[in-house]
Structures are given as C-alpha cells and as structure tokens.
Amino acid sequence: MIKKKFCIIVYKQFTTMEKTKLKKRLIKLLKIIPEKSDLFILDMSKFYYGPNFNFSKKLINKKIGYIKVSNINVLDNFTKNSKCFCFNFTNRNLKEFLILYLIKKFNIFVLGLSEVGFFANVSNYKKISLLLKLKFIFFYRISYYFYRILLALRLTPPVEYFFESSGSRIKHLKKLNNKKNNIYRILFPLYFKKIIRINSTYSSLKIKKFSTKKNLITYIDSGLGHDDVKKLNFDNDIEYLSYYKKLVFFLNKIKKNKKKILVCLHPKAKYPTKILKLLKSNFIIKFGTKDAYIHSSEFVIISMSSLINKIIFFKKKLIIANSIDLGNWINKKIININNEISLSNVDLDKQYFDLDKIFKKSSYSLKYYDNFIKKNLIEDRSKNYYESVRSKLEKL
C-alpha cells in the first residue's frame, strides 16, 4: 500500500506571529490527516528568491517532521514510493516559480482548504472606473495571470483537490467552469481540478448554554480601519466618521427602548481617536468578539463579516446595518449576503427607524437559517469538521 504524506511547504522568512499561526495550523492538520499518514514541514527556502524561512525547533514534535530540501535528491527521496500532498500553497509569483515547478515535477498534489462557510464575494466590477480596474489588476491579478500562463504551459501544478465548505460557492465555481468551451479548457487547465464539499469548522463547535439577556443587543464592527479593507476598497469611498455617527444615532434609538448596547470592535482595525471617544461615551466597548457575547444577546447587529456564519450557526437574531458611507465594495458584499439569505436590514442613512418592524423581520428570518446551514456550513451532520475532512482525504 502506498504511504500518504502530507506537508506544509515553507520558504520565506516568518515573523513571530506567522510562526505562531503556522504552529496552530500544524496542530489542526494533525487532526484531519488520515491515520497511518505523516505530516511534515517541507522547507524549500533553497529554491525561493527572497529572505529564507527561519526554522524553529518549537514547530516540530514526534508527530510533525521537518525536512530541509537542500537539493532535488532530498525531494526525490521524500516523494519516492509515496503519494504526497501539500496544503494551501496559494501564493504564485515569480519568486516562487521554481518551488511550483518542483512541486509539479515530483508529483506533489496541491490541496486547497476553504473551511469558514459562506464568504461574500464581489466579482462585478463593471461600474468601477478604468483606473481602478487597472489598479486592481496591477496589485492583485498580475501574479494570478502569470500563474495561469505557467499552468497552461504545464510548468506549475493546479490545485488538484479543493475542499470547500460552502455549497453555494461550489455551485458558483462550477457554473464559471461550465461557461468555458472545450478549446479553452485544453489551453487553460482548470484552476481547481476537483472540488470536494466538506463541513465547515463550525460543525466542531460545541454550543454552550448561555442565558439570552432580552435587553442586550451586540453590535459587531467589521473593522473599517483594517488593512485588508483599505487594500480592497479600491474606490477609497468609505466615510468613516459619518458612518459611525449614523451608527451611534441608530444604536441610541434602540438604547432608549431600555436596551443595553455592547459594541465589539475589531482587534486589528485602527480607530481614529474621535471615533473611539464617540463610541465609548455612549456604549460598552469590547475589543474582539467572544462567543459568549453572541450567545447572550437577544439581537446581533453587523454590517459585513464572515462572523455572519457563526451568528447564523448559533441561531441568533441578526440585523444587517448598511449605509452609503460604507462604500461600493462593502455594500456589494451586503447585497451578496442578502441574495444568499433573507435577513433584516436597516438603512442607517435614514433618520427614522421602525424598530418593531426591524426586530420582527429579524425574528422572521430565523426560519431561513437551517437551509443556509445545510447549504454553507454542514454537509454531513454525522461528522464534525475534522472527521469530515479526514474521511475525504482517506479517499484520495
């Protein structure tokens, strides 16, 4: 029987935080790989055109091996008489070309893993100016197009197996693939050769019993000042101060109904002093979102975040706050989530709010949750996340 080997390929220099994330990732992967298979850190710094990976013994143990690929003979020995897989090699640019070429040459299968459920996408850039389109292509798509050319030349590997937790996204990806004719497919191989549905990580969450406080409403901030938002908001059209002023006005309307407001700020977002003072002078402020905050709340208010999956999984009443001040990119994401599931929405740009109608709609939307969970979070209720992925990896 051919032995299966799983690995994470490292090559570039890591910060302390990146090493911590890698350690957590490795521990997680140990729980999903099949029994009698091995997990390795495959250090391919030798073939990377940039600052090399800085190894630490803290990353390995008896269950996690480390191999420094000093030459191709080491790679040949590693792959010999084995079926090898590497997880999430998603960066593809000139600096990584040689690594990608060797992965292809030695038949190491690339695995993609998307495990967070439904993720709102913005793919329609028709109304964006030519200048912004060029900016998007230059900063985010050049490496992708470069990779596709190398893939067409059969010099780099595709993602052999892509494990996706959202059935809606799988449907979308397959629809895109079906639009391409046979000649295109021959010239340009599929980015994901095979897409496999798995349970999301939420299927492993143990729902603790918290008593719902009927007077507590939690607002979870999307982190408008987060670096990722700034990078992807090409229109640069978010009006920060105006948005938070309108939000405070709306939340204070709720507060007058004898409701307690908890505001959870994004721990990695940068908040101007003026905005922090505005929020702190009106509400209870917490940095980060603990599950207990969601469980204890009667309603949860959010604009756009992947936490929508968790809120729906916990069966909590949800309200989407939108405003023109959030800009084109975020508002398109809100449209995307509303196309997926009918939720209660509040337009912060208005001066009058029918709170009874907003809360009633939020309660009514609960009936759509089970279908959303089935489509995007849990494919097989008899398995948790780890069992779901492991059962699929065993069949490869």
Foldseek 3Di string as FASTA:
>chain_A
DQAEEEEAEFAAADDPVRLVVLLVVQVLVVLFAAPRHAYEYEYPNCQFDYHTYDDDPVSDDPRYYYDYPNDVVSVLVVLPSHAAEYEDPPFAAPRCLVVQLSCLVSNHAYEYEAFLWDDQDDDDCPVPDPVLVVVCCVPPNPRVVVVQQCVLVSRGDANAEYEAAFLVVVVVLVVVVVVDDPVCCNRGPDNYNYYHHFFHQCLPDDDDDDAADAQEEEEEEPQCQAPVNVSPQSVPQAPVVVVLVLVLLVVVVSVVVVHAYEYEYEQRGDDPPVSVCSDVVRHHYHYDDDVNSLNHYQEYEYADDSCVLVSLVSLHQYEHEDECNRDDRSVSSSVRVCVLFPHQYDYSVDNDDPVVVSRVRSVVRSVCSVVSCCRIHHVDSVDRRSVRSNVVNVVD
